[in-house]
């Protein structure tokens, strides 16, 4: 296992080889969702790089950034337990941005403005800025992302086209706890009581999936929204069905098209998202 803190160090190392690179970008606080991406990357590439960098421009407020879970030593141990030949890139903000902490404006259009794009202004531009930087640094053959952040995968695929990047974007299934909760670094911030409530997101998606077979989408969502209002500690931000590739809103299911259901809710002060294929 090699740990690098600067771009120069890892580039100097990579210049000595001419092998395929698999990149797994993370913000640390690794869980089984991350390790599933790493294991897949190991199968498909000669070299695997895991970046661990909490990107400050992706946070809507400083409090969320400060509270975001960080434990680089734990992350290193988890990676070493998978394979001790994995390269870990854990740069400083200065190494990534120099003295210019900026967000590039990509204009992703409709898919960038809907759902997460509506509730987290400029979020996807921030994600794309750091991902483009990582792609340009490492020029990976493949990059791996989890479908829990499905909309983000669409954004990165769009980034690939916009920036003419020669990388294959690999989307991997969401990994869940036994009670259905999608694994997320933010889960570490939940209190014991909040953790017991959290599986409601996945259960709601399954409920929606089952009920739209016999009912109109709008009426089903309306009923579920009213159910959420009965629990004061829960605040539903959105629950929607969208076309899988375009994210266009859906009023009626066409069996020849692919769809996904998306949900975002706050449990106390913690914001969680999830989605499933329909």
Protein backbone atom coordinates (compact mmCIF):
# COMPACT_ATOMS: atom_id res chain seq x y z
CA UNK A 1 0.00 0.00 0.00
CA UNK A 2 1.36 3.39 -1.03
CA UNK A 3 0.03 6.62 0.48
CA UNK A 4 0.52 9.87 -1.44
CA UNK A 5 -0.28 13.37 -0.21
CA UNK A 6 0.72 15.36 -3.30
CA UNK A 7 -0.03 15.15 -6.99
CA UNK A 8 3.67 15.26 -7.85
CA UNK A 9 4.45 12.22 -5.69
CA UNK A 10 1.82 9.99 -7.23
CA UNK A 11 2.44 11.18 -10.80
CA UNK A 12 6.16 10.48 -10.42
CA UNK A 13 5.25 6.99 -9.25
CA UNK A 14 2.78 6.38 -12.10
CA UNK A 15 5.23 7.62 -14.74
CA UNK A 16 7.27 4.50 -14.09
CA UNK A 17 4.47 2.27 -15.33
CA UNK A 18 2.20 1.97 -18.35
CA UNK A 19 -0.69 -0.04 -16.95
CA UNK A 20 -4.47 0.43 -16.86
CA UNK A 21 -5.71 2.55 -13.97
CA UNK A 22 -8.98 2.22 -12.10
CA UNK A 23 -9.98 5.26 -10.04
CA UNK A 24 -12.34 5.21 -7.06
CA UNK A 25 -12.98 8.83 -5.97
CA UNK A 26 -14.17 9.13 -2.35
CA UNK A 27 -14.49 11.68 0.43
CA UNK A 28 -13.35 9.14 3.00
CA UNK A 29 -15.31 7.66 5.92
CA UNK A 30 -15.23 4.47 3.88
CA UNK A 31 -17.92 1.80 4.22
CA UNK A 32 -18.87 -1.42 2.44
CA UNK A 33 -20.28 0.56 -0.47
CA UNK A 34 -16.85 2.04 -1.14
CA UNK A 35 -15.08 -1.29 -0.67
CA UNK A 36 -17.39 -2.92 -3.23
CA UNK A 37 -16.26 -0.30 -5.77
CA UNK A 38 -12.61 -0.91 -4.90
CA UNK A 39 -12.97 -4.69 -5.26
CA UNK A 40 -14.58 -4.30 -8.69
CA UNK A 41 -11.81 -1.91 -9.76
CA UNK A 42 -9.18 -4.46 -8.68
CA UNK A 43 -10.71 -7.09 -10.96
CA UNK A 44 -10.80 -4.83 -14.00
CA UNK A 45 -7.54 -2.84 -13.77
CA UNK A 46 -3.79 -3.28 -13.27
CA UNK A 47 -3.55 -0.38 -10.82
CA UNK A 48 -6.25 0.94 -8.47
CA UNK A 49 -6.16 4.44 -7.01
CA UNK A 50 -8.51 5.44 -4.19
CA UNK A 51 -8.68 9.18 -3.69
CA UNK A 52 -9.67 10.36 -0.21
CA UNK A 53 -10.46 14.07 -0.32
CA UNK A 54 -13.23 16.00 1.40
CA UNK A 55 -14.00 18.59 -1.26
CA UNK A 56 -14.99 21.81 0.55
CA UNK A 57 -16.85 23.32 -2.40
CA UNK A 58 -19.46 20.51 -2.33
CA UNK A 59 -20.91 21.64 1.00
CA UNK A 60 -23.78 24.11 1.25
CA UNK A 61 -22.62 25.44 4.62
CA UNK A 62 -19.49 25.34 6.76
CA UNK A 63 -21.17 23.42 9.58
CA UNK A 64 -21.81 20.41 7.33
CA UNK A 65 -18.20 20.55 6.15
CA UNK A 66 -16.86 20.65 9.72
CA UNK A 67 -19.11 17.79 10.87
CA UNK A 68 -18.40 15.54 7.89
CA UNK A 69 -16.85 12.31 9.27
CA UNK A 70 -13.10 11.95 8.75
CA UNK A 71 -10.83 9.10 9.81
CA UNK A 72 -7.97 8.63 7.36
CA UNK A 73 -6.26 5.96 9.50
CA UNK A 74 -9.43 3.85 9.53
CA UNK A 75 -9.77 4.37 5.76
CA UNK A 76 -6.18 3.24 5.21
CA UNK A 77 -6.72 0.09 7.26
CA UNK A 78 -9.89 -0.79 5.35
CA UNK A 79 -8.08 -0.38 2.04
CA UNK A 80 -5.06 -2.40 3.21
CA UNK A 81 -7.38 -5.22 4.25
CA UNK A 82 -8.69 -5.43 0.69
CA UNK A 83 -5.32 -5.32 -1.06
CA UNK A 84 -2.00 -3.85 0.05
CA UNK A 85 -1.06 -2.78 -3.48
CA UNK A 86 -3.80 -0.16 -3.79
CA UNK A 87 -2.57 3.44 -4.16
CA UNK A 88 -4.16 5.98 -1.82
CA UNK A 89 -4.24 9.65 -2.81
CA UNK A 90 -5.00 11.87 0.20
CA UNK A 91 -4.15 15.43 -0.88
CA UNK A 92 -4.53 18.75 0.91
CA UNK A 93 -6.86 21.46 -0.36
CA UNK A 94 -3.81 23.46 -1.45
CA UNK A 95 -2.45 20.56 -3.47
CA UNK A 96 -5.74 20.23 -5.37
CA UNK A 97 -6.68 23.88 -5.78
CA UNK A 98 -3.36 25.69 -5.18
CA UNK A 99 -4.48 29.08 -3.83
CA UNK A 100 -7.59 29.25 -6.01
CA UNK A 101 -10.57 27.46 -4.44
CA UNK A 102 -12.96 27.71 -7.37
CA UNK A 103 -15.96 25.97 -8.93
CA UNK A 104 -16.14 25.63 -12.70
CA UNK A 105 -19.47 26.29 -14.40
CA UNK A 106 -20.32 23.38 -16.70
CA UNK A 107 -24.03 24.04 -17.31
CA UNK A 108 -25.43 20.51 -17.19
CA UNK A 109 -28.85 21.81 -18.12
CA UNK A 110 -31.96 19.94 -17.02
CA UNK A 111 -30.26 17.00 -15.27
CA UNK A 112 -28.15 19.42 -13.24
CA UNK A 113 -31.10 21.52 -12.07
CA UNK A 114 -33.54 18.81 -10.98
CA UNK A 115 -33.80 16.85 -7.70
CA UNK A 116 -30.43 17.30 -5.94
CA UNK A 117 -29.63 20.17 -8.29
CA UNK A 118 -32.71 22.03 -7.04
CA UNK A 119 -31.98 21.56 -3.34
CA UNK A 120 -28.18 21.93 -3.53
CA UNK A 121 -27.40 24.87 -5.76
CA UNK A 122 -24.11 24.58 -7.66
CA UNK A 123 -23.47 21.16 -6.08
CA UNK A 124 -22.96 19.31 -9.34
CA UNK A 125 -20.61 21.97 -10.69
CA UNK A 126 -18.53 21.42 -7.53
CA UNK A 127 -18.57 17.64 -8.00
CA UNK A 128 -17.67 17.92 -11.68
CA UNK A 129 -14.83 20.36 -10.93
CA UNK A 130 -13.05 17.94 -8.60
CA UNK A 131 -13.82 14.85 -10.69
CA UNK A 132 -12.47 16.52 -13.83
CA UNK A 133 -9.31 17.43 -11.90
CA UNK A 134 -8.84 13.81 -10.78
CA UNK A 135 -9.47 12.49 -14.29
CA UNK A 136 -6.91 14.89 -15.73
CA UNK A 137 -4.33 14.01 -13.08
CA UNK A 138 -4.58 10.22 -13.37
CA UNK A 139 -6.10 9.69 -16.84
CA UNK A 140 -7.77 6.48 -15.62
CA UNK A 141 -9.08 3.79 -17.92
CA UNK A 142 -12.13 3.42 -15.67
CA UNK A 143 -13.73 5.29 -12.77
CA UNK A 144 -16.18 3.76 -10.30
CA UNK A 145 -19.26 5.32 -8.70
CA UNK A 146 -22.15 3.95 -6.63
CA UNK A 147 -25.76 4.17 -7.78
CA UNK A 148 -26.90 5.63 -4.45
CA UNK A 149 -25.79 8.88 -6.10
CA UNK A 150 -27.46 7.97 -9.39
CA UNK A 151 -28.00 11.55 -10.55
CA UNK A 152 -24.31 12.24 -9.93
CA UNK A 153 -23.42 9.38 -12.28
CA UNK A 154 -25.50 11.01 -15.02
CA UNK A 155 -23.66 14.27 -14.35
CA UNK A 156 -20.25 12.60 -14.60
CA UNK A 157 -21.21 10.85 -17.83
CA UNK A 158 -22.22 14.26 -19.18
CA UNK A 159 -18.90 15.70 -17.93
CA UNK A 160 -17.06 12.98 -19.84
CA UNK A 161 -18.69 14.12 -23.09
CA UNK A 162 -18.35 17.86 -22.40
CA UNK A 163 -14.65 17.61 -21.54
CA UNK A 164 -13.83 14.87 -24.05
CA UNK A 165 -12.44 12.60 -21.32
CA UNK A 166 -11.18 9.15 -22.30
CA UNK A 167 -12.49 7.24 -19.31
CA UNK A 168 -15.15 4.57 -18.88
CA UNK A 169 -17.68 5.44 -16.17
CA UNK A 170 -18.64 2.32 -14.22
CA UNK A 171 -21.83 2.49 -12.14
CA UNK A 172 -22.16 -0.05 -9.34
CA UNK A 173 -25.24 -1.19 -7.36
CA UNK A 174 -26.13 0.46 -4.07
CA UNK A 175 -24.97 -1.53 -1.05
CA UNK A 176 -27.47 -1.68 1.81
CA UNK A 177 -27.70 -2.59 5.46
CA UNK A 178 -29.86 -5.60 6.32
CA UNK A 179 -32.77 -3.25 7.06
CA UNK A 180 -32.47 -1.63 3.62
CA UNK A 181 -30.71 1.62 4.54
CA UNK A 182 -28.34 2.63 1.73
CA UNK A 183 -24.77 2.81 3.00
CA UNK A 184 -23.55 6.39 3.25
CA UNK A 185 -20.79 8.21 5.12
CA UNK A 186 -23.50 10.49 6.51
CA UNK A 187 -25.06 7.52 8.32
CA UNK A 188 -22.25 7.84 10.87
CA UNK A 189 -23.78 11.17 11.93
CA UNK A 190 -27.17 9.66 12.84
CA UNK A 191 -28.08 9.23 16.49
CA UNK A 192 -29.24 5.80 17.64
CA UNK A 193 -32.86 6.94 17.47
CA UNK A 194 -32.41 8.51 14.03
CA UNK A 195 -30.67 5.37 12.74
CA UNK A 196 -33.77 3.33 13.62
CA UNK A 197 -35.93 5.73 11.60
CA UNK A 198 -33.60 5.97 8.58
CA UNK A 199 -34.70 2.76 6.74
CA UNK A 200 -38.01 4.56 6.06
CA UNK A 201 -36.43 6.01 2.91
CA UNK A 202 -35.89 2.61 1.29
CA UNK A 203 -39.23 1.28 2.55
CA UNK A 204 -40.95 4.31 1.03
CA UNK A 205 -39.32 3.67 -2.35
CA UNK A 206 -40.43 0.02 -2.27
CA UNK A 207 -43.91 1.08 -1.23
CA UNK A 208 -44.06 3.53 -4.13
CA UNK A 209 -42.81 0.89 -6.55
CA UNK A 210 -45.51 -1.57 -5.49
CA UNK A 211 -48.41 0.89 -5.41
CA UNK A 212 -47.91 2.56 -8.79
CA UNK A 213 -48.80 -0.71 -10.47
CA UNK A 214 -52.46 -0.16 -9.63
CA UNK A 215 -52.67 3.57 -8.99
CA UNK A 216 -51.85 6.94 -10.49
CA UNK A 217 -48.35 8.20 -9.63
CA UNK A 218 -49.49 11.58 -8.32
CA UNK A 219 -52.12 10.14 -5.99
CA UNK A 220 -49.70 7.56 -4.56
CA UNK A 221 -47.03 10.19 -3.88
CA UNK A 222 -49.59 12.53 -2.33
CA UNK A 223 -50.66 9.83 0.15
CA UNK A 224 -47.06 9.04 1.08
CA UNK A 225 -46.24 12.73 1.56
CA UNK A 226 -49.13 13.01 4.03
CA UNK A 227 -47.85 9.96 5.92
CA UNK A 228 -44.46 11.65 6.34
CA UNK A 229 -46.12 14.68 7.91
CA UNK A 230 -47.24 12.49 10.83
CA UNK A 231 -43.62 12.05 11.97
CA UNK A 232 -42.23 15.41 13.23
CA UNK A 233 -38.58 14.26 13.13
CA UNK A 234 -38.90 13.48 9.40
CA UNK A 235 -38.95 16.11 6.69
CA UNK A 236 -39.51 14.85 3.16
CA UNK A 237 -37.81 17.06 0.57
CA UNK A 238 -38.80 15.14 -2.53
CA UNK A 239 -40.24 11.83 -3.65
CA UNK A 240 -40.41 11.48 -7.42
CA UNK A 241 -40.38 9.06 -10.32
CA UNK A 242 -38.22 10.09 -13.26
CA UNK A 243 -37.13 8.62 -16.58
CA UNK A 244 -33.86 6.83 -15.88
CA UNK A 245 -31.68 8.51 -18.51
CA UNK A 246 -33.22 11.96 -18.96
CA UNK A 247 -34.64 12.51 -15.44
CA UNK A 248 -37.79 13.86 -17.07
CA UNK A 249 -40.84 13.85 -14.73
CA UNK A 250 -43.27 10.97 -15.16
CA UNK A 251 -47.06 11.01 -14.88
CA UNK A 252 -47.75 7.60 -16.34
CA UNK A 253 -45.63 4.46 -16.61
CA UNK A 254 -44.73 3.23 -20.09
CA UNK A 255 -43.59 -0.40 -19.88
CA UNK A 256 -41.10 0.15 -22.72
CA UNK A 257 -39.15 2.82 -20.79
CA UNK A 258 -36.86 2.62 -17.76
CA UNK A 259 -37.60 4.61 -14.62
CA UNK A 260 -36.16 5.31 -11.19
CA UNK A 261 -37.74 6.51 -7.97
CA UNK A 262 -35.84 9.15 -5.98
CA UNK A 263 -36.21 10.30 -2.39
CA UNK A 264 -34.58 12.87 -0.14
CA UNK A 265 -35.46 13.46 3.50
CA UNK A 266 -34.03 15.03 6.62
CA UNK A 267 -33.97 12.98 9.80
CA UNK A 268 -33.30 15.54 12.48
CA UNK A 269 -30.42 17.56 11.02
CA UNK A 270 -29.07 14.79 8.78
CA UNK A 271 -30.02 14.79 5.11
CA UNK A 272 -30.21 11.41 3.34
CA UNK A 273 -30.97 10.43 -0.24
CA UNK A 274 -31.80 7.14 -1.96
CA UNK A 275 -33.16 5.79 -5.23
CA UNK A 276 -34.17 2.50 -6.81
CA UNK A 277 -34.80 1.17 -10.28
CA UNK A 278 -38.47 0.53 -11.09
